[in-house]
């Protein structure tokens, strides 16, 4: 059976245009006119993909995205007239898998839909991928850290799967974008940065000092088993530096508080 796509768009002309173009690709289509109807249809029809206008009435499209992602792995393609980069990245941060800015070419939108669905159907790896305590299971579509399950959006899962497939390999943003979305002019470098920031909150003990999902400055990101302890050969050097600091601190105290002069009473 062909995929069911929900179009969430309050503009009737736009909604009908999308319904017609998606129908020509033999997708089944349902239309929601506002955010509340979108959530109701998502629960009752369980679509494979949602084309979601960011500025819906009743319930804002970004709030709909947040609610959908809290309980579902449904693919989300965001439509937005908000052209600033921060607004676009906000939608991705809430869990959208891709976005397009209005006005858009409906043929390009159907191509984006095909790409998202194709990547979602791609044959997964047959074995779990590991990086230290992080386990990515493509068959079950699960991520665990120290055995505890971690909720990831589809885009976050694909990013982590790519990084875990070649532990310690440094991927550029462009390579990651190509693996996730296909290379196109609409997706910015900061798309990957946003997904990485969200993943660090979920898989790292301290997201400000990551031990596994690392930034290699001038190149970009890699996944490792964990930061090793300082090599043995460096530890004596560290001890010498601490000893030198202790000597300097002692000399400084002596300089600030010299001992009282001693007089010979004989």
C-alpha atoms as a PDB file:
ATOM      1  CA  UNK A   1       0.000   0.000   0.000  1.00  0.00           C
ATOM      2  CA  UNK A   2       1.293   3.478  -0.882  1.00  0.00           C
ATOM      3  CA  UNK A   3       2.417   5.809   1.889  1.00  0.00           C
ATOM      4  CA  UNK A   4      -0.175   7.994   3.609  1.00  0.00           C
ATOM      5  CA  UNK A   5       0.820  11.658   3.747  1.00  0.00           C
ATOM      6  CA  UNK A   6      -0.882  14.273   5.886  1.00  0.00           C
ATOM      7  CA  UNK A   7      -0.795  17.828   4.546  1.00  0.00           C
ATOM      8  CA  UNK A   8      -1.263  20.383   7.348  1.00  0.00           C
ATOM      9  CA  UNK A   9      -1.975  23.664   5.562  1.00  0.00           C
ATOM     10  CA  UNK A  10      -4.622  26.307   6.287  1.00  0.00           C
ATOM     11  CA  UNK A  11      -4.427  27.900   2.822  1.00  0.00           C
ATOM     12  CA  UNK A  12      -7.014  25.967   0.783  1.00  0.00           C
ATOM     13  CA  UNK A  13      -5.346  26.658  -2.564  1.00  0.00           C
ATOM     14  CA  UNK A  14      -1.944  25.504  -1.296  1.00  0.00           C
ATOM     15  CA  UNK A  15      -3.482  22.428   0.321  1.00  0.00           C
ATOM     16  CA  UNK A  16      -5.305  21.454  -2.878  1.00  0.00           C
ATOM     17  CA  UNK A  17      -2.145  22.014  -4.954  1.00  0.00           C
ATOM     18  CA  UNK A  18      -0.141  19.738  -2.667  1.00  0.00           C
ATOM     19  CA  UNK A  19      -2.891  17.130  -2.564  1.00  0.00           C
ATOM     20  CA  UNK A  20      -2.993  17.018  -6.364  1.00  0.00           C
ATOM     21  CA  UNK A  21       0.788  16.806  -6.874  1.00  0.00           C
ATOM     22  CA  UNK A  22       1.256  14.163  -4.180  1.00  0.00           C
ATOM     23  CA  UNK A  23      -1.693  12.236  -5.592  1.00  0.00           C
ATOM     24  CA  UNK A  24       0.011  12.184  -9.002  1.00  0.00           C
ATOM     25  CA  UNK A  25       2.858  10.289  -7.298  1.00  0.00           C
ATOM     26  CA  UNK A  26       0.224   7.792  -6.090  1.00  0.00           C
ATOM     27  CA  UNK A  27       0.432   8.772  -2.426  1.00  0.00           C
ATOM     28  CA  UNK A  28      -2.691   8.703  -0.281  1.00  0.00           C
ATOM     29  CA  UNK A  29      -3.312  12.189   1.137  1.00  0.00           C
ATOM     30  CA  UNK A  30      -5.340  13.610   4.037  1.00  0.00           C
ATOM     31  CA  UNK A  31      -5.552  17.348   4.713  1.00  0.00           C
ATOM     32  CA  UNK A  32      -5.668  19.173   8.065  1.00  0.00           C
ATOM     33  CA  UNK A  33      -6.697  22.865   8.124  1.00  0.00           C
ATOM     34  CA  UNK A  34      -5.380  23.761  11.576  1.00  0.00           C
ATOM     35  CA  UNK A  35      -3.064  22.462  14.284  1.00  0.00           C
ATOM     36  CA  UNK A  36      -5.711  20.737  16.374  1.00  0.00           C
ATOM     37  CA  UNK A  37      -7.085  18.859  13.361  1.00  0.00           C
ATOM     38  CA  UNK A  38      -3.520  17.898  12.433  1.00  0.00           C
ATOM     39  CA  UNK A  39      -2.968  16.262  15.816  1.00  0.00           C
ATOM     40  CA  UNK A  40      -6.346  14.492  15.675  1.00  0.00           C
ATOM     41  CA  UNK A  41      -5.705  13.129  12.162  1.00  0.00           C
ATOM     42  CA  UNK A  42      -2.190  12.055  13.126  1.00  0.00           C
ATOM     43  CA  UNK A  43      -3.605   9.960  15.981  1.00  0.00           C
ATOM     44  CA  UNK A  44      -6.454   8.443  13.957  1.00  0.00           C
ATOM     45  CA  UNK A  45      -4.709   7.883  10.591  1.00  0.00           C
ATOM     46  CA  UNK A  46      -1.028   7.380  11.608  1.00  0.00           C
ATOM     47  CA  UNK A  47       0.498   8.927   8.461  1.00  0.00           C
ATOM     48  CA  UNK A  48       3.940   7.946   7.233  1.00  0.00           C
ATOM     49  CA  UNK A  49       4.941  11.561   6.579  1.00  0.00           C
ATOM     50  CA  UNK A  50       3.539  14.962   7.551  1.00  0.00           C
ATOM     51  CA  UNK A  51       3.899  18.088   5.427  1.00  0.00           C
ATOM     52  CA  UNK A  52       3.521  20.691   8.155  1.00  0.00           C
ATOM     53  CA  UNK A  53       2.975  24.432   7.790  1.00  0.00           C
ATOM     54  CA  UNK A  54       4.846  26.182  10.604  1.00  0.00           C
ATOM     55  CA  UNK A  55       2.166  28.884  10.987  1.00  0.00           C
ATOM     56  CA  UNK A  56      -1.102  26.993  11.452  1.00  0.00           C
ATOM     57  CA  UNK A  57      -4.109  28.491  13.240  1.00  0.00           C
ATOM     58  CA  UNK A  58      -5.474  27.186  16.579  1.00  0.00           C
ATOM     59  CA  UNK A  59      -2.220  25.369  17.415  1.00  0.00           C
ATOM     60  CA  UNK A  60       1.022  26.668  15.923  1.00  0.00           C
ATOM     61  CA  UNK A  61       2.852  24.338  13.555  1.00  0.00           C
ATOM     62  CA  UNK A  62       5.964  24.329  15.744  1.00  0.00           C
ATOM     63  CA  UNK A  63       3.862  23.167  18.703  1.00  0.00           C
ATOM     64  CA  UNK A  64       2.316  20.497  16.482  1.00  0.00           C
ATOM     65  CA  UNK A  65       5.826  19.367  15.504  1.00  0.00           C
ATOM     66  CA  UNK A  66       6.831  19.164  19.165  1.00  0.00           C
ATOM     67  CA  UNK A  67       3.703  17.144  20.048  1.00  0.00           C
ATOM     68  CA  UNK A  68       4.100  14.753  17.111  1.00  0.00           C
ATOM     69  CA  UNK A  69       7.739  14.113  17.875  1.00  0.00           C
ATOM     70  CA  UNK A  70       6.999  13.447  21.567  1.00  0.00           C
ATOM     71  CA  UNK A  71       4.977  10.368  20.672  1.00  0.00           C
ATOM     72  CA  UNK A  72       5.913   9.329  17.146  1.00  0.00           C
ATOM     73  CA  UNK A  73       8.724   8.755  14.650  1.00  0.00           C
ATOM     74  CA  UNK A  74       6.604  10.090  11.772  1.00  0.00           C
ATOM     75  CA  UNK A  75       8.639  11.920   9.129  1.00  0.00           C
ATOM     76  CA  UNK A  76       8.062  15.698   9.203  1.00  0.00           C
ATOM     77  CA  UNK A  77       8.684  18.095   6.320  1.00  0.00           C
ATOM     78  CA  UNK A  78       8.228  21.658   7.586  1.00  0.00           C
ATOM     79  CA  UNK A  79       6.906  24.456   5.376  1.00  0.00           C
ATOM     80  CA  UNK A  80       7.703  27.938   6.576  1.00  0.00           C
ATOM     81  CA  UNK A  81       7.552  31.550   5.466  1.00  0.00           C
ATOM     82  CA  UNK A  82       9.983  32.364   8.259  1.00  0.00           C
ATOM     83  CA  UNK A  83      13.130  32.955   6.305  1.00  0.00           C
ATOM     84  CA  UNK A  84      15.626  33.673   9.108  1.00  0.00           C
ATOM     85  CA  UNK A  85      18.095  30.889   9.826  1.00  0.00           C
ATOM     86  CA  UNK A  86      17.303  30.775  13.547  1.00  0.00           C
ATOM     87  CA  UNK A  87      13.610  30.147  12.855  1.00  0.00           C
ATOM     88  CA  UNK A  88      14.440  27.383  10.404  1.00  0.00           C
ATOM     89  CA  UNK A  89      16.828  25.752  12.847  1.00  0.00           C
ATOM     90  CA  UNK A  90      14.182  25.939  15.575  1.00  0.00           C
ATOM     91  CA  UNK A  91      11.972  23.612  13.529  1.00  0.00           C
ATOM     92  CA  UNK A  92      14.847  21.178  13.046  1.00  0.00           C
ATOM     93  CA  UNK A  93      15.638  21.383  16.750  1.00  0.00           C
ATOM     94  CA  UNK A  94      12.058  20.350  17.537  1.00  0.00           C
ATOM     95  CA  UNK A  95      12.474  17.240  15.412  1.00  0.00           C
ATOM     96  CA  UNK A  96      11.549  18.134  11.814  1.00  0.00           C
ATOM     97  CA  UNK A  97      13.431  15.990   9.292  1.00  0.00           C
ATOM     98  CA  UNK A  98      13.582  18.615   6.547  1.00  0.00           C
ATOM     99  CA  UNK A  99      12.119  22.006   5.659  1.00  0.00           C
ATOM    100  CA  UNK A 100      11.216  24.160   2.694  1.00  0.00           C
ATOM    101  CA  UNK A 101      10.626  27.897   2.613  1.00  0.00           C
ATOM    102  CA  UNK A 102       7.617  29.452   0.900  1.00  0.00           C
ATOM    103  CA  UNK A 103       7.086  30.038  -1.945  1.00  0.00           C
ATOM    104  CA  UNK A 104       8.213  26.629  -3.177  1.00  0.00           C
ATOM    105  CA  UNK A 105       7.984  24.536  -6.311  1.00  0.00           C
ATOM    106  CA  UNK A 106       5.465  21.689  -5.724  1.00  0.00           C
ATOM    107  CA  UNK A 107       7.560  19.384  -7.920  1.00  0.00           C
ATOM    108  CA  UNK A 108      10.537  19.952  -5.640  1.00  0.00           C
ATOM    109  CA  UNK A 109       8.357  19.243  -2.613  1.00  0.00           C
ATOM    110  CA  UNK A 110       7.263  15.881  -4.046  1.00  0.00           C
ATOM    111  CA  UNK A 111      10.928  15.115  -4.765  1.00  0.00           C
ATOM    112  CA  UNK A 112      11.790  15.899  -1.117  1.00  0.00           C
ATOM    113  CA  UNK A 113       8.961  13.623   0.011  1.00  0.00           C
ATOM    114  CA  UNK A 114      10.260  10.779  -2.165  1.00  0.00           C
ATOM    115  CA  UNK A 115      13.774  11.267  -0.775  1.00  0.00           C
ATOM    116  CA  UNK A 116      12.632  11.188   2.847  1.00  0.00           C
ATOM    117  CA  UNK A 117      10.511   8.094   2.290  1.00  0.00           C
ATOM    118  CA  UNK A 118      13.285   6.331   0.370  1.00  0.00           C
ATOM    119  CA  UNK A 119      15.826   6.980   3.110  1.00  0.00           C
ATOM    120  CA  UNK A 120      13.346   5.815   5.715  1.00  0.00           C
ATOM    121  CA  UNK A 121      12.851   2.531   3.802  1.00  0.00           C
ATOM    122  CA  UNK A 122      16.569   1.981   3.191  1.00  0.00           C
ATOM    123  CA  UNK A 123      17.800  -1.455   4.179  1.00  0.00           C
ATOM    124  CA  UNK A 124      19.286  -1.140   7.674  1.00  0.00           C
ATOM    125  CA  UNK A 125      22.557  -2.604   8.831  1.00  0.00           C
ATOM    126  CA  UNK A 126      22.162  -6.134  10.223  1.00  0.00           C
ATOM    127  CA  UNK A 127      24.196  -5.587  13.381  1.00  0.00           C
ATOM    128  CA  UNK A 128      24.271  -3.074  16.212  1.00  0.00           C
ATOM    129  CA  UNK A 129      26.858  -0.300  16.001  1.00  0.00           C
ATOM    130  CA  UNK A 130      28.912   0.569  19.095  1.00  0.00           C
ATOM    131  CA  UNK A 131      30.994   3.479  20.324  1.00  0.00           C
ATOM    132  CA  UNK A 132      31.935   2.920  23.953  1.00  0.00           C
ATOM    133  CA  UNK A 133      28.684   2.820  25.982  1.00  0.00           C
ATOM    134  CA  UNK A 134      26.623   4.021  22.982  1.00  0.00           C
ATOM    135  CA  UNK A 135      24.793   1.321  21.008  1.00  0.00           C
ATOM    136  CA  UNK A 136      22.890   2.116  17.808  1.00  0.00           C
ATOM    137  CA  UNK A 137      20.607  -0.713  16.660  1.00  0.00           C
ATOM    138  CA  UNK A 138      19.423  -0.112  13.063  1.00  0.00           C
ATOM    139  CA  UNK A 139      17.109  -3.157  13.092  1.00  0.00           C
ATOM    140  CA  UNK A 140      15.150  -2.090  16.172  1.00  0.00           C
ATOM    141  CA  UNK A 141      15.761   1.608  15.471  1.00  0.00           C
ATOM    142  CA  UNK A 142      16.980   2.011  19.058  1.00  0.00           C
ATOM    143  CA  UNK A 143      19.767   3.912  20.796  1.00  0.00           C
ATOM    144  CA  UNK A 144      21.011   3.023  24.251  1.00  0.00           C
ATOM    145  CA  UNK A 145      23.689   4.566  26.470  1.00  0.00           C
ATOM    146  CA  UNK A 146      24.977   2.352  29.294  1.00  0.00           C
ATOM    147  CA  UNK A 147      21.978   0.123  28.566  1.00  0.00           C
ATOM    148  CA  UNK A 148      19.444   2.923  29.044  1.00  0.00           C
ATOM    149  CA  UNK A 149      17.183   3.786  26.061  1.00  0.00           C
ATOM    150  CA  UNK A 150      17.554   7.214  24.457  1.00  0.00           C
ATOM    151  CA  UNK A 151      14.780   8.858  22.431  1.00  0.00           C
ATOM    152  CA  UNK A 152      16.025  10.270  19.121  1.00  0.00           C
ATOM    153  CA  UNK A 153      14.256  11.903  16.222  1.00  0.00           C
ATOM    154  CA  UNK A 154      14.620  10.117  12.843  1.00  0.00           C
ATOM    155  CA  UNK A 155      17.177  12.698  11.701  1.00  0.00           C
ATOM    156  CA  UNK A 156      19.181  12.375  14.940  1.00  0.00           C
ATOM    157  CA  UNK A 157      19.098   8.587  14.655  1.00  0.00           C
ATOM    158  CA  UNK A 158      20.379   8.665  11.061  1.00  0.00           C
ATOM    159  CA  UNK A 159      23.167  11.081  12.024  1.00  0.00           C
ATOM    160  CA  UNK A 160      24.255   8.894  14.936  1.00  0.00           C
ATOM    161  CA  UNK A 161      24.045   5.790  12.746  1.00  0.00           C
ATOM    162  CA  UNK A 162      26.346   7.360  10.143  1.00  0.00           C
ATOM    163  CA  UNK A 163      28.885   8.428  12.784  1.00  0.00           C
ATOM    164  CA  UNK A 164      28.734   5.051  14.561  1.00  0.00           C
ATOM    165  CA  UNK A 165      29.235   3.178  11.297  1.00  0.00           C
ATOM    166  CA  UNK A 166      32.842   4.428  11.215  1.00  0.00           C
ATOM    167  CA  UNK A 167      33.963   5.149  14.766  1.00  0.00           C
ATOM    168  CA  UNK A 168      36.836   7.653  15.001  1.00  0.00           C
ATOM    169  CA  UNK A 169      36.370   8.791  11.398  1.00  0.00           C
ATOM    170  CA  UNK A 170      36.015  12.567  11.105  1.00  0.00           C
ATOM    171  CA  UNK A 171      33.089  13.584   8.877  1.00  0.00           C
ATOM    172  CA  UNK A 172      32.763  17.049   7.384  1.00  0.00           C
ATOM    173  CA  UNK A 173      29.400  18.797   7.571  1.00  0.00           C
ATOM    174  CA  UNK A 174      29.019  18.366   3.811  1.00  0.00           C
ATOM    175  CA  UNK A 175      29.578  14.602   4.045  1.00  0.00           C
ATOM    176  CA  UNK A 176      27.012  14.297   6.834  1.00  0.00           C
ATOM    177  CA  UNK A 177      24.486  16.439   4.981  1.00  0.00           C
ATOM    178  CA  UNK A 178      24.901  14.273   1.908  1.00  0.00           C
ATOM    179  CA  UNK A 179      24.368  11.090   3.938  1.00  0.00           C
ATOM    180  CA  UNK A 180      21.294  12.511   5.700  1.00  0.00           C
ATOM    181  CA  UNK A 181      19.467  14.607   3.149  1.00  0.00           C
ATOM    182  CA  UNK A 182      21.263  14.542  -0.142  1.00  0.00           C
ATOM    183  CA  UNK A 183      23.318  17.573  -1.065  1.00  0.00           C
ATOM    184  CA  UNK A 184      21.167  20.597  -1.929  1.00  0.00           C
ATOM    185  CA  UNK A 185      21.361  24.331  -1.592  1.00  0.00           C
ATOM    186  CA  UNK A 186      18.568  24.768   0.950  1.00  0.00           C
ATOM    187  CA  UNK A 187      20.182  22.998   3.899  1.00  0.00           C
ATOM    188  CA  UNK A 188      22.784  24.978   5.822  1.00  0.00           C
ATOM    189  CA  UNK A 189      25.815  23.817   7.775  1.00  0.00           C
ATOM    190  CA  UNK A 190      24.053  24.757  10.989  1.00  0.00           C
ATOM    191  CA  UNK A 191      21.469  22.032  10.376  1.00  0.00           C
ATOM    192  CA  UNK A 192      24.068  19.433  11.371  1.00  0.00           C
ATOM    193  CA  UNK A 193      25.273  21.593  14.281  1.00  0.00           C
ATOM    194  CA  UNK A 194      21.731  21.694  15.674  1.00  0.00           C
ATOM    195  CA  UNK A 195      21.333  17.901  15.507  1.00  0.00           C
ATOM    196  CA  UNK A 196      24.752  17.414  17.132  1.00  0.00           C
ATOM    197  CA  UNK A 197      23.860  19.789  19.978  1.00  0.00           C
ATOM    198  CA  UNK A 198      20.605  17.905  20.590  1.00  0.00           C
ATOM    199  CA  UNK A 199      22.356  14.528  20.487  1.00  0.00           C
ATOM    200  CA  UNK A 200      24.990  15.647  22.984  1.00  0.00           C
ATOM    201  CA  UNK A 201      22.242  16.528  25.458  1.00  0.00           C
ATOM    202  CA  UNK A 202      20.935  12.975  25.124  1.00  0.00           C
ATOM    203  CA  UNK A 203      24.049  10.782  24.981  1.00  0.00           C
ATOM    204  CA  UNK A 204      26.741  12.683  26.879  1.00  0.00           C
ATOM    205  CA  UNK A 205      27.113  12.857  30.645  1.00  0.00           C
ATOM    206  CA  UNK A 206      28.079  16.533  30.272  1.00  0.00           C
ATOM    207  CA  UNK A 207      27.041  18.032  26.933  1.00  0.00           C
ATOM    208  CA  UNK A 208      29.414  20.973  27.462  1.00  0.00           C
ATOM    209  CA  UNK A 209      32.376  18.580  27.774  1.00  0.00           C
ATOM    210  CA  UNK A 210      31.523  15.753  25.375  1.00  0.00           C
ATOM    211  CA  UNK A 211      33.503  12.529  25.651  1.00  0.00           C
ATOM    212  CA  UNK A 212      32.092  10.701  22.606  1.00  0.00           C
ATOM    213  CA  UNK A 213      30.545  13.055  20.037  1.00  0.00           C
ATOM    214  CA  UNK A 214      33.531  15.303  19.411  1.00  0.00           C
ATOM    215  CA  UNK A 215      34.265  18.388  17.330  1.00  0.00           C
ATOM    216  CA  UNK A 216      37.509  18.283  15.365  1.00  0.00           C
ATOM    217  CA  UNK A 217      38.108  21.948  14.695  1.00  0.00           C
ATOM    218  CA  UNK A 218      38.621  22.856  11.080  1.00  0.00           C
ATOM    219  CA  UNK A 219      37.041  19.568   9.916  1.00  0.00           C
ATOM    220  CA  UNK A 220      34.005  18.785  12.058  1.00  0.00           C
ATOM    221  CA  UNK A 221      32.535  15.760  13.887  1.00  0.00           C
ATOM    222  CA  UNK A 222      33.425  12.210  14.909  1.00  0.00           C
ATOM    223  CA  UNK A 223      32.107   9.581  17.312  1.00  0.00           C
ATOM    224  CA  UNK A 224      34.629   7.863  19.585  1.00  0.00           C
ATOM    225  CA  UNK A 225      34.686   5.165  22.256  1.00  0.00           C
ATOM    226  CA  UNK A 226      35.585   7.859  24.779  1.00  0.00           C
ATOM    227  CA  UNK A 227      38.365  10.237  25.655  1.00  0.00           C
ATOM    228  CA  UNK A 228      41.356   8.252  26.994  1.00  0.00           C
ATOM    229  CA  UNK A 229      43.181   9.093  30.201  1.00  0.00           C
ATOM    230  CA  UNK A 230      46.381  11.083  29.871  1.00  0.00           C
ATOM    231  CA  UNK A 231      49.197   8.852  28.565  1.00  0.00           C
ATOM    232  CA  UNK A 232      51.633   7.603  31.188  1.00  0.00           C
ATOM    233  CA  UNK A 233      54.489   9.522  29.571  1.00  0.00           C
ATOM    234  CA  UNK A 234      52.643  12.805  30.154  1.00  0.00           C
ATOM    235  CA  UNK A 235      51.858  12.224  33.814  1.00  0.00           C
ATOM    236  CA  UNK A 236      55.394  12.901  35.165  1.00  0.00           C
ATOM    237  CA  UNK A 237      55.378  16.151  33.166  1.00  0.00           C
ATOM    238  CA  UNK A 238      52.069  17.108  34.782  1.00  0.00           C
ATOM    239  CA  UNK A 239      53.513  16.346  38.219  1.00  0.00           C
ATOM    240  CA  UNK A 240      56.605  18.461  37.472  1.00  0.00           C
ATOM    241  CA  UNK A 241      54.385  21.343  36.402  1.00  0.00           C
ATOM    242  CA  UNK A 242      52.387  21.082  39.630  1.00  0.00           C
ATOM    243  CA  UNK A 243      55.625  21.009  41.634  1.00  0.00           C
ATOM    244  CA  UNK A 244      56.888  24.085  39.764  1.00  0.00           C
ATOM    245  CA  UNK A 245      53.632  25.886  40.541  1.00  0.00           C
ATOM    246  CA  UNK A 246      53.995  24.964  44.234  1.00  0.00           C
ATOM    247  CA  UNK A 247      57.523  26.442  44.291  1.00  0.00           C
ATOM    248  CA  UNK A 248      56.345  29.640  42.620  1.00  0.00           C
ATOM    249  CA  UNK A 249      53.437  29.939  45.061  1.00  0.00           C
ATOM    250  CA  UNK A 250      55.819  29.483  48.021  1.00  0.00           C
ATOM    251  CA  UNK A 251      58.252  32.086  46.660  1.00  0.00           C
ATOM    252  CA  UNK A 252      55.357  34.476  46.110  1.00  0.00           C
ATOM    253  CA  UNK A 253      54.183  34.061  49.716  1.00  0.00           C
ATOM    254  CA  UNK A 254      57.715  34.680  50.987  1.00  0.00           C
ATOM    255  CA  UNK A 255      58.024  37.815  48.855  1.00  0.00           C
ATOM    256  CA  UNK A 256      54.732  39.193  50.186  1.00  0.00           C
ATOM    257  CA  UNK A 257      55.365  38.211  53.822  1.00  0.00           C
ATOM    258  CA  UNK A 258      59.127  38.224  54.457  1.00  0.00           C
ATOM    259  CA  UNK A 259      60.284  36.763  57.734  1.00  0.00           C
ATOM    260  CA  UNK A 260      61.101  39.271  60.505  1.00  0.00           C
ATOM    261  CA  UNK A 261      64.842  40.118  60.665  1.00  0.00           C
ATOM    262  CA  UNK A 262      66.823  38.322  63.383  1.00  0.00           C
ATOM    263  CA  UNK A 263      69.326  40.258  65.574  1.00  0.00           C
ATOM    264  CA  UNK A 264      72.309  38.734  67.355  1.00  0.00           C
ATOM    265  CA  UNK A 265      72.029  39.726  71.060  1.00  0.00           C
ATOM    266  CA  UNK A 266      75.563  38.571  71.923  1.00  0.00           C
END
